[in-house]
Protein backbone atom coordinates (compact mmCIF):
# COMPACT_ATOMS: atom_id res chain seq x y z
CA MET A 1 36.65 -21.21 -2.16
CA THR A 2 38.73 -18.21 -3.73
CA ALA A 3 36.43 -15.31 -4.68
CA ARG A 4 36.16 -14.50 -8.39
CA PRO A 5 37.39 -10.98 -9.53
CA TYR A 6 35.13 -8.00 -10.01
CA VAL A 7 34.69 -7.89 -13.91
CA VAL A 8 34.86 -4.47 -15.63
CA LEU A 9 33.75 -4.50 -19.34
CA SER A 10 35.52 -1.25 -20.88
CA ALA A 11 34.82 -0.23 -24.37
CA ALA A 12 34.74 2.76 -26.63
CA MET A 13 32.17 2.73 -29.33
CA SER A 14 30.39 4.84 -31.96
CA VAL A 15 26.93 6.48 -31.55
CA ASP A 16 25.77 3.19 -33.52
CA GLY A 17 27.48 0.80 -31.58
CA TYR A 18 30.70 -0.19 -33.33
CA LEU A 19 34.01 -0.77 -31.73
CA ASP A 20 36.06 -0.09 -35.05
CA ASP A 21 35.65 0.33 -38.80
CA THR A 22 36.91 -2.17 -41.60
CA SER A 23 40.05 -0.14 -42.55
CA SER A 24 43.39 -1.62 -41.88
CA GLN A 25 44.02 1.45 -39.28
CA ARG A 26 42.66 1.41 -35.73
CA LEU A 27 39.85 3.87 -35.54
CA LEU A 28 40.57 5.96 -32.39
CA LEU A 29 36.95 6.73 -30.78
CA SER A 30 38.14 8.02 -27.74
CA ASN A 31 39.83 11.58 -27.10
CA SER A 32 42.82 12.23 -25.09
CA GLU A 33 41.13 12.93 -21.85
CA ASP A 34 39.22 9.50 -22.09
CA PHE A 35 42.41 7.66 -22.88
CA ASP A 36 43.62 9.04 -19.63
CA ARG A 37 40.69 7.73 -17.76
CA VAL A 38 41.13 4.48 -19.37
CA ASP A 39 44.84 4.53 -17.96
CA GLN A 40 43.50 5.17 -14.69
CA VAL A 41 41.16 2.28 -14.62
CA ARG A 42 43.83 -0.14 -15.80
CA ALA A 43 46.27 1.33 -12.90
CA GLU A 44 43.24 0.25 -10.60
CA SER A 45 43.29 -3.36 -11.74
CA ASP A 46 45.05 -6.36 -11.01
CA ALA A 47 44.64 -7.89 -14.35
CA ILE A 48 43.76 -6.61 -17.86
CA LEU A 49 42.09 -9.14 -20.21
CA ILE A 50 41.97 -8.76 -24.20
CA GLY A 51 41.09 -11.30 -26.72
CA ALA A 52 43.46 -12.83 -29.17
CA THR A 53 41.57 -11.67 -32.14
CA THR A 54 41.96 -8.00 -30.98
CA ILE A 55 45.70 -8.54 -30.11
CA ARG A 56 46.65 -9.74 -33.67
CA LYS A 57 44.50 -7.02 -35.27
CA ASP A 58 45.81 -3.99 -33.19
CA ASN A 59 48.97 -5.32 -31.65
CA PRO A 60 48.61 -3.33 -28.67
CA ARG A 61 51.24 -3.21 -25.79
CA LEU A 62 48.34 -2.85 -23.19
CA LEU A 63 50.25 -1.11 -20.32
CA VAL A 64 49.64 1.65 -17.72
CA ASN A 65 51.32 4.66 -19.40
CA SER A 66 51.23 7.04 -16.55
CA ASP A 67 54.86 6.92 -14.63
CA GLU A 68 52.95 8.44 -11.63
CA ARG A 69 50.16 5.71 -11.59
CA ARG A 70 52.90 2.89 -12.00
CA ALA A 71 54.90 4.44 -9.16
CA ARG A 72 51.60 4.62 -7.00
CA ARG A 73 51.21 0.57 -7.82
CA VAL A 74 54.83 -0.20 -6.86
CA ALA A 75 54.24 1.94 -3.46
CA ASP A 76 51.15 -0.02 -2.84
CA GLY A 77 52.98 -3.34 -3.09
CA LYS A 78 51.65 -4.15 -6.34
CA PRO A 79 53.61 -5.02 -9.72
CA GLU A 80 54.28 -2.20 -11.71
CA PHE A 81 51.84 -3.37 -14.45
CA PRO A 82 48.66 -5.50 -13.98
CA LEU A 83 48.79 -8.94 -14.94
CA LYS A 84 48.03 -9.26 -19.13
CA VAL A 85 45.62 -11.81 -20.09
CA THR A 86 44.27 -13.21 -23.29
CA VAL A 87 41.99 -15.94 -24.32
CA THR A 88 42.34 -18.08 -27.40
CA GLN A 89 40.33 -20.89 -29.24
CA SER A 90 42.78 -21.36 -32.06
CA GLY A 91 46.26 -20.89 -30.34
CA ASP A 92 47.27 -18.58 -33.09
CA LEU A 93 49.36 -16.06 -31.16
CA PRO A 94 52.51 -14.95 -32.90
CA ALA A 95 55.33 -14.74 -30.37
CA ASP A 96 56.37 -11.20 -32.13
CA LEU A 97 53.56 -9.36 -30.90
CA LYS A 98 54.04 -6.38 -28.71
CA PHE A 99 51.78 -7.90 -26.02
CA TRP A 100 54.36 -10.41 -25.11
CA HIS A 101 57.36 -7.98 -25.05
CA HIS A 102 56.20 -5.11 -22.84
CA GLY A 103 54.88 -4.80 -19.36
CA GLY A 104 54.87 -7.51 -16.61
CA ALA A 105 53.62 -10.98 -16.35
CA LYS A 106 51.31 -12.52 -19.10
CA LEU A 107 48.76 -15.36 -19.02
CA VAL A 108 47.12 -17.25 -21.69
CA PHE A 109 43.89 -19.22 -21.31
CA THR A 110 43.32 -21.70 -24.31
CA VAL A 111 41.54 -24.99 -24.86
CA ASP A 112 42.97 -28.45 -24.55
CA ASP A 113 43.69 -28.95 -28.46
CA ALA A 114 45.56 -25.70 -28.66
CA ALA A 115 47.29 -25.77 -25.35
CA GLU A 116 50.61 -27.48 -26.50
CA LYS A 117 50.67 -25.05 -29.82
CA VAL A 118 50.64 -21.94 -27.69
CA SER A 119 53.13 -23.19 -25.07
CA ALA A 120 55.58 -24.39 -27.98
CA THR A 121 55.06 -20.86 -29.73
CA LEU A 122 55.39 -18.56 -26.66
CA GLY A 123 57.93 -20.52 -24.38
CA ASP A 124 58.73 -18.55 -21.26
CA LEU A 125 56.92 -15.21 -22.58
CA ALA A 126 53.64 -16.35 -20.92
CA ASP A 127 52.04 -18.86 -18.46
CA VAL A 128 49.76 -21.10 -20.50
CA VAL A 129 46.50 -22.68 -18.98
CA SER A 130 44.10 -24.66 -20.56
CA ALA A 131 40.32 -24.14 -19.89
CA GLY A 132 39.16 -27.28 -21.10
CA PRO A 133 37.70 -28.56 -24.46
CA ASP A 134 36.09 -25.10 -24.87
CA VAL A 135 36.73 -21.77 -23.04
CA ASP A 136 34.88 -21.92 -19.75
CA TRP A 137 34.80 -18.49 -18.37
CA GLY A 138 33.73 -19.80 -14.87
CA PHE A 139 37.05 -21.43 -14.91
CA VAL A 140 38.98 -18.60 -16.28
CA LEU A 141 37.64 -16.15 -13.34
CA ASP A 142 38.21 -18.89 -10.80
CA GLU A 143 41.89 -19.35 -11.89
CA LEU A 144 42.28 -15.56 -12.03
CA GLY A 145 40.73 -15.27 -8.33
CA ARG A 146 43.45 -18.21 -7.32
CA ARG A 147 46.02 -15.99 -8.79
CA GLY A 148 45.02 -13.06 -6.46
CA VAL A 149 43.11 -11.20 -9.14
CA LYS A 150 40.51 -9.06 -7.47
CA ARG A 151 39.68 -6.72 -10.04
CA LEU A 152 39.58 -7.58 -13.72
CA MET A 153 39.54 -5.26 -16.69
CA VAL A 154 38.15 -6.45 -19.76
CA GLU A 155 38.96 -4.44 -23.07
CA GLY A 156 37.29 -6.82 -25.69
CA GLY A 157 36.73 -7.66 -28.35
CA GLY A 158 32.79 -7.79 -28.77
CA THR A 159 32.89 -11.76 -28.79
CA ILE A 160 34.30 -11.73 -25.28
CA HIS A 161 31.96 -8.84 -24.25
CA THR A 162 29.15 -10.68 -25.45
CA GLN A 163 30.02 -13.87 -23.92
CA LEU A 164 30.65 -12.32 -20.38
CA MET A 165 27.41 -10.37 -20.63
CA ALA A 166 25.27 -13.32 -21.69
CA ALA A 167 26.73 -15.58 -18.78
CA ASP A 168 25.95 -12.84 -16.32
CA LEU A 169 29.48 -12.53 -15.24
CA ALA A 170 30.38 -8.71 -15.88
CA ASP A 171 29.84 -6.41 -12.63
CA GLU A 172 30.22 -3.24 -14.19
CA VAL A 173 30.29 -1.79 -18.00
CA HIS A 174 32.03 1.36 -18.81
CA LEU A 175 31.11 2.51 -22.23
CA ALA A 176 32.72 5.54 -23.80
CA ILE A 177 30.35 6.90 -26.69
CA ALA A 178 32.16 8.66 -29.40
CA PRO A 179 30.34 11.13 -31.82
CA LEU A 180 31.06 9.14 -34.84
CA LEU A 181 28.79 6.72 -37.21
CA VAL A 182 30.56 3.81 -38.68
CA SER A 183 27.77 2.05 -40.57
CA GLN A 184 29.87 -0.83 -41.82
CA ALA A 185 28.25 -4.31 -41.63
CA ALA A 186 31.17 -6.25 -41.34
CA ALA A 187 32.67 -3.84 -38.49
CA PRO A 188 33.15 -5.41 -35.05
CA ARG A 189 30.34 -4.24 -32.57
CA PHE A 190 30.47 -3.92 -28.68
CA LEU A 191 27.80 -6.66 -28.37
CA GLY A 192 26.52 -9.56 -30.54
CA THR A 193 23.35 -11.48 -30.64
CA ALA A 194 22.92 -13.71 -27.32
CA ASP A 195 20.50 -14.84 -24.71
CA TYR A 196 21.01 -12.02 -22.28
CA PRO A 197 20.00 -12.19 -18.73
CA GLY A 198 16.35 -10.93 -18.33
CA GLY A 199 15.73 -10.31 -21.97
CA SER A 200 15.25 -7.16 -23.87
CA THR A 201 12.87 -5.50 -21.14
CA SER A 202 15.33 -5.94 -18.20
CA ARG A 203 16.80 -2.50 -17.29
CA MET A 204 20.64 -2.28 -16.09
CA ARG A 205 21.02 0.24 -12.89
CA LEU A 206 22.99 3.49 -14.33
CA LEU A 207 25.83 4.10 -12.09
CA GLU A 208 27.33 7.15 -13.74
CA ALA A 209 26.95 9.42 -16.98
CA ARG A 210 29.48 11.90 -17.65
CA ALA A 211 30.89 14.04 -20.35
CA ILE A 212 34.66 13.79 -21.19
CA GLY A 213 35.13 16.29 -23.75
CA ASP A 214 33.22 15.20 -26.98
CA VAL A 215 32.92 11.59 -25.46
CA VAL A 216 30.26 10.33 -22.85
CA LEU A 217 30.99 7.89 -20.44
CA LEU A 218 28.24 5.68 -19.39
CA ARG A 219 28.82 3.00 -16.52
CA TYR A 220 26.18 0.30 -15.79
CA ALA A 221 25.90 -2.42 -13.16
CA PRO A 222 24.67 -5.47 -15.50
CA LYS A 223 23.78 -7.69 -12.43
CA GLU A 224 21.26 -5.08 -10.89
CA ARG A 225 18.22 -5.40 -13.49
CA GLY A 226 14.94 -4.47 -13.04
C-alpha cells in the first residue's frame, strides 16, 4: 500500500488563538520574516492543502513566491510549484478565484453529491475526486500518497485543522504566535471543540521554539504524546 504523506499543519494565530478577525480584510498575523519561512515550507512540500471556505474568503494564489526556491525545485526534478489541493463539502468553488489561475496542478476533493457540480464549474482547471458521501480524510491522504505526495502542508482553515488533529493525522504542527489580541467571538480559531487523542492532559512533544522578529514559532509533534 502506498504510504500516506507526512502532514504538516501550518497556521499563524493571535495570542488568544484566532486565525483572523471579522473584518472584510485579511488580518496579517505574520511578519515579513515569518512569511518568508512559510514560503520555504511551501517549497519543501509536494502539495499544499487549503479549505474551500478559506479560498472563498481570502482568494489566495497559494504559491512559492521565491524565484530561487522554485528554481531549486525544478533542479531537483520537481514541478515548479507544489500541487495545490482543496476540499469542499458544498462544491461552491467559483472558477474565477485566483487559486485556479496561478501555479501548477490543482486537485479538488469533494463529496459524492457535489462532484458533478464541481466538475461542471471548473472544467479543466482542476482534477476532481469524490471522497465519498462525506469527506474521508483517510481516503484523501491515501489518494495523495498514490499521486506521489510525500509531504503535505495544510494551511487551514480551522475546521480542517480540527478534523485532522482529532483524527490523529497530523505529524507536525507549525504555529506562528503573533503579538495581537482579536477577542471576537465570531472570528475563526485555529482549533475548535473536538475529541482530541489523549484528552486534555496529553502533552505533545515540542520540536522547536524560535523567535522570528515579534512572532514566536512553535513546532509540535502531535502523535508523540505523553
